[in-house]
Amino acid sequence: MTRKSGTFIPNAGAVPEPESWALMIAGFGMVGAVMSGRSKTAVAA
C-alpha cells in the first residue's frame, strides 16, 4: 500500500498478461500432443 494525499491506495496484484496465458495454454497443448503421439507409437510397436 502507498500513502498519497492522506488516503491509502492499494497496489494492484500481479495479473498475468494475455500473452502469458496464451503461451501457457499453447505449452499444455504441445505437451498433450506429444503425450498423445507417444502413446499411439507405443501401441503400434
PDB file of N, CA and C in Angstrom:
ATOM      1  N   MET A   1       0.843  -1.184   0.000  1.00  0.00           N
ATOM      2  CA  MET A   1       0.000   0.000   0.000  1.00  0.00           C
ATOM      3  C   MET A   1       0.885   1.243   0.000  1.00  0.00           C
ATOM      4  N   THR A   2       0.407   2.242  -0.649  1.00  0.00           N
ATOM      5  CA  THR A   2       1.112   3.519  -0.644  1.00  0.00           C
ATOM      6  C   THR A   2       0.206   4.575  -0.049  1.00  0.00           C
ATOM      7  N   ARG A   3       0.834   5.608   0.440  1.00  0.00           N
ATOM      8  CA  ARG A   3       0.049   6.683   1.037  1.00  0.00           C
ATOM      9  C   ARG A   3       0.258   7.940   0.198  1.00  0.00           C
ATOM     10  N   LYS A   4      -0.848   8.516  -0.280  1.00  0.00           N
ATOM     11  CA  LYS A   4      -0.776   9.712  -1.114  1.00  0.00           C
ATOM     12  C   LYS A   4      -1.941  10.617  -0.741  1.00  0.00           C
ATOM     13  N   SER A   5      -1.661  11.836  -0.388  1.00  0.00           N
ATOM     14  CA  SER A   5      -2.673  12.837  -0.031  1.00  0.00           C
ATOM     15  C   SER A   5      -3.575  12.379   1.117  1.00  0.00           C
ATOM     16  N   GLY A   6      -3.025  11.633   2.046  1.00  0.00           N
ATOM     17  CA  GLY A   6      -3.797  11.215   3.205  1.00  0.00           C
ATOM     18  C   GLY A   6      -4.728  10.046   2.981  1.00  0.00           C
ATOM     19  N   THR A   7      -4.708   9.435   1.797  1.00  0.00           N
ATOM     20  CA  THR A   7      -5.557   8.266   1.543  1.00  0.00           C
ATOM     21  C   THR A   7      -4.678   7.078   1.168  1.00  0.00           C
ATOM     22  N   PHE A   8      -5.151   5.907   1.492  1.00  0.00           N
ATOM     23  CA  PHE A   8      -4.418   4.700   1.123  1.00  0.00           C
ATOM     24  C   PHE A   8      -4.847   4.254  -0.265  1.00  0.00           C
ATOM     25  N   ILE A   9      -3.863   3.966  -1.103  1.00  0.00           N
ATOM     26  CA  ILE A   9      -4.125   3.490  -2.456  1.00  0.00           C
ATOM     27  C   ILE A   9      -3.538   2.082  -2.557  1.00  0.00           C
ATOM     28  N   PRO A  10      -4.375   1.064  -2.665  1.00  0.00           N
ATOM     29  CA  PRO A  10      -3.832  -0.302  -2.743  1.00  0.00           C
ATOM     30  C   PRO A  10      -3.122  -0.538  -4.072  1.00  0.00           C
ATOM     31  N   ASN A  11      -2.031  -1.278  -3.996  1.00  0.00           N
ATOM     32  CA  ASN A  11      -1.317  -1.647  -5.217  1.00  0.00           C
ATOM     33  C   ASN A  11      -2.042  -2.813  -5.875  1.00  0.00           C
ATOM     34  N   ALA A  12      -2.061  -2.824  -7.191  1.00  0.00           N
ATOM     35  CA  ALA A  12      -2.700  -3.925  -7.915  1.00  0.00           C
ATOM     36  C   ALA A  12      -1.848  -5.176  -7.773  1.00  0.00           C
ATOM     37  N   GLY A  13      -2.501  -6.304  -7.627  1.00  0.00           N
ATOM     38  CA  GLY A  13      -1.792  -7.575  -7.539  1.00  0.00           C
ATOM     39  C   GLY A  13      -1.252  -7.974  -8.900  1.00  0.00           C
ATOM     40  N   ALA A  14      -0.426  -8.993  -8.889  1.00  0.00           N
ATOM     41  CA  ALA A  14       0.149  -9.475 -10.142  1.00  0.00           C
ATOM     42  C   ALA A  14      -0.936 -10.172 -10.959  1.00  0.00           C
ATOM     43  N   VAL A  15      -1.199  -9.641 -12.133  1.00  0.00           N
ATOM     44  CA  VAL A  15      -2.200 -10.223 -13.028  1.00  0.00           C
ATOM     45  C   VAL A  15      -1.475 -10.673 -14.285  1.00  0.00           C
ATOM     46  N   PRO A  16      -1.576 -11.963 -14.631  1.00  0.00           N
ATOM     47  CA  PRO A  16      -0.885 -12.430 -15.833  1.00  0.00           C
ATOM     48  C   PRO A  16      -1.413 -11.735 -17.087  1.00  0.00           C
ATOM     49  N   GLU A  17      -0.523 -11.443 -17.985  1.00  0.00           N
ATOM     50  CA  GLU A  17      -0.905 -10.792 -19.229  1.00  0.00           C
ATOM     51  C   GLU A  17      -1.475 -11.829 -20.198  1.00  0.00           C
ATOM     52  N   PRO A  18      -2.264 -11.400 -21.174  1.00  0.00           N
ATOM     53  CA  PRO A  18      -2.847 -12.352 -22.133  1.00  0.00           C
ATOM     54  C   PRO A  18      -1.795 -13.188 -22.863  1.00  0.00           C
ATOM     55  N   GLU A  19      -0.638 -12.594 -23.145  1.00  0.00           N
ATOM     56  CA  GLU A  19       0.417 -13.343 -23.824  1.00  0.00           C
ATOM     57  C   GLU A  19       0.899 -14.494 -22.959  1.00  0.00           C
ATOM     58  N   SER A  20       0.986 -14.268 -21.660  1.00  0.00           N
ATOM     59  CA  SER A  20       1.417 -15.324 -20.747  1.00  0.00           C
ATOM     60  C   SER A  20       0.420 -16.473 -20.753  1.00  0.00           C
ATOM     61  N   TRP A  21      -0.868 -16.128 -20.719  1.00  0.00           N
ATOM     62  CA  TRP A  21      -1.903 -17.169 -20.755  1.00  0.00           C
ATOM     63  C   TRP A  21      -1.832 -17.935 -22.070  1.00  0.00           C
ATOM     64  N   ALA A  22      -1.654 -17.230 -23.178  1.00  0.00           N
ATOM     65  CA  ALA A  22      -1.602 -17.887 -24.488  1.00  0.00           C
ATOM     66  C   ALA A  22      -0.417 -18.845 -24.566  1.00  0.00           C
ATOM     67  N   LEU A  23       0.743 -18.414 -24.074  1.00  0.00           N
ATOM     68  CA  LEU A  23       1.913 -19.284 -24.097  1.00  0.00           C
ATOM     69  C   LEU A  23       1.716 -20.501 -23.202  1.00  0.00           C
ATOM     70  N   MET A  24       1.102 -20.302 -22.041  1.00  0.00           N
ATOM     71  CA  MET A  24       0.872 -21.412 -21.129  1.00  0.00           C
ATOM     72  C   MET A  24      -0.086 -22.430 -21.752  1.00  0.00           C
ATOM     73  N   ILE A  25      -1.170 -21.952 -22.358  1.00  0.00           N
ATOM     74  CA  ILE A  25      -2.137 -22.855 -22.984  1.00  0.00           C
ATOM     75  C   ILE A  25      -1.502 -23.582 -24.171  1.00  0.00           C
ATOM     76  N   ALA A  26      -0.705 -22.858 -24.959  1.00  0.00           N
ATOM     77  CA  ALA A  26      -0.021 -23.492 -26.088  1.00  0.00           C
ATOM     78  C   ALA A  26       0.950 -24.557 -25.594  1.00  0.00           C
ATOM     79  N   GLY A  27       1.642 -24.280 -24.506  1.00  0.00           N
ATOM     80  CA  GLY A  27       2.565 -25.261 -23.934  1.00  0.00           C
ATOM     81  C   GLY A  27       1.845 -26.510 -23.475  1.00  0.00           C
ATOM     82  N   PHE A  28       0.706 -26.338 -22.795  1.00  0.00           N
ATOM     83  CA  PHE A  28      -0.070 -27.502 -22.374  1.00  0.00           C
ATOM     84  C   PHE A  28      -0.555 -28.296 -23.590  1.00  0.00           C
ATOM     85  N   GLY A  29      -0.960 -27.578 -24.639  1.00  0.00           N
ATOM     86  CA  GLY A  29      -1.401 -28.254 -25.858  1.00  0.00           C
ATOM     87  C   GLY A  29      -0.286 -29.057 -26.500  1.00  0.00           C
ATOM     88  N   MET A  30       0.920 -28.497 -26.525  1.00  0.00           N
ATOM     89  CA  MET A  30       2.058 -29.211 -27.104  1.00  0.00           C
ATOM     90  C   MET A  30       2.417 -30.441 -26.280  1.00  0.00           C
ATOM     91  N   VAL A  31       2.395 -30.295 -24.967  1.00  0.00           N
ATOM     92  CA  VAL A  31       2.674 -31.444 -24.098  1.00  0.00           C
ATOM     93  C   VAL A  31       1.629 -32.530 -24.329  1.00  0.00           C
ATOM     94  N   GLY A  32       0.371 -32.135 -24.437  1.00  0.00           N
ATOM     95  CA  GLY A  32      -0.687 -33.105 -24.706  1.00  0.00           C
ATOM     96  C   GLY A  32      -0.509 -33.798 -26.044  1.00  0.00           C
ATOM     97  N   ALA A  33      -0.106 -33.045 -27.065  1.00  0.00           N
ATOM     98  CA  ALA A  33       0.103 -33.629 -28.384  1.00  0.00           C
ATOM     99  C   ALA A  33       1.262 -34.618 -28.366  1.00  0.00           C
ATOM    100  N   VAL A  34       2.328 -34.267 -27.667  1.00  0.00           N
ATOM    101  CA  VAL A  34       3.482 -35.168 -27.578  1.00  0.00           C
ATOM    102  C   VAL A  34       3.103 -36.434 -26.823  1.00  0.00           C
ATOM    103  N   MET A  35       2.382 -36.274 -25.727  1.00  0.00           N
ATOM    104  CA  MET A  35       1.970 -37.445 -24.947  1.00  0.00           C
ATOM    105  C   MET A  35       1.017 -38.326 -25.760  1.00  0.00           C
ATOM    106  N   SER A  36       0.136 -37.717 -26.523  1.00  0.00           N
ATOM    107  CA  SER A  36      -0.798 -38.472 -27.352  1.00  0.00           C
ATOM    108  C   SER A  36      -0.043 -39.225 -28.449  1.00  0.00           C
ATOM    109  N   GLY A  37       0.918 -38.568 -29.052  1.00  0.00           N
ATOM    110  CA  GLY A  37       1.715 -39.199 -30.102  1.00  0.00           C
ATOM    111  C   GLY A  37       2.551 -40.345 -29.571  1.00  0.00           C
ATOM    112  N   ARG A  38       3.068 -40.205 -28.379  1.00  0.00           N
ATOM    113  CA  ARG A  38       3.876 -41.272 -27.795  1.00  0.00           C
ATOM    114  C   ARG A  38       3.036 -42.505 -27.503  1.00  0.00           C
ATOM    115  N   SER A  39       1.829 -42.306 -27.016  1.00  0.00           N
ATOM    116  CA  SER A  39       1.000 -43.467 -26.690  1.00  0.00           C
ATOM    117  C   SER A  39       0.593 -44.217 -27.958  1.00  0.00           C
ATOM    118  N   LYS A  40       0.370 -43.506 -29.059  1.00  0.00           N
ATOM    119  CA  LYS A  40      -0.011 -44.160 -30.309  1.00  0.00           C
ATOM    120  C   LYS A  40       1.150 -44.971 -30.880  1.00  0.00           C
ATOM    121  N   THR A  41       2.372 -44.433 -30.839  1.00  0.00           N
ATOM    122  CA  THR A  41       3.514 -45.165 -31.376  1.00  0.00           C
ATOM    123  C   THR A  41       3.867 -46.346 -30.482  1.00  0.00           C
ATOM    124  N   ALA A  42       3.649 -46.228 -29.188  1.00  0.00           N
ATOM    125  CA  ALA A  42       3.958 -47.329 -28.278  1.00  0.00           C
ATOM    126  C   ALA A  42       3.016 -48.503 -28.527  1.00  0.00           C
ATOM    127  N   VAL A  43       1.755 -48.221 -28.848  1.00  0.00           N
ATOM    128  CA  VAL A  43       0.786 -49.283 -29.100  1.00  0.00           C
ATOM    129  C   VAL A  43       1.107 -49.968 -30.427  1.00  0.00           C
ATOM    130  N   ALA A  44       1.531 -49.191 -31.428  1.00  0.00           N
ATOM    131  CA  ALA A  44       1.821 -49.748 -32.744  1.00  0.00           C
ATOM    132  C   ALA A  44       3.084 -50.604 -32.725  1.00  0.00           C
ATOM    133  N   ALA A  45       4.005 -50.324 -31.847  1.00  0.00           N
ATOM    134  CA  ALA A  45       5.272 -51.061 -31.804  1.00  0.00           C
ATOM    135  C   ALA A  45       5.096 -52.325 -31.093  1.00  0.00           C
TER     136      ALA A  45
END
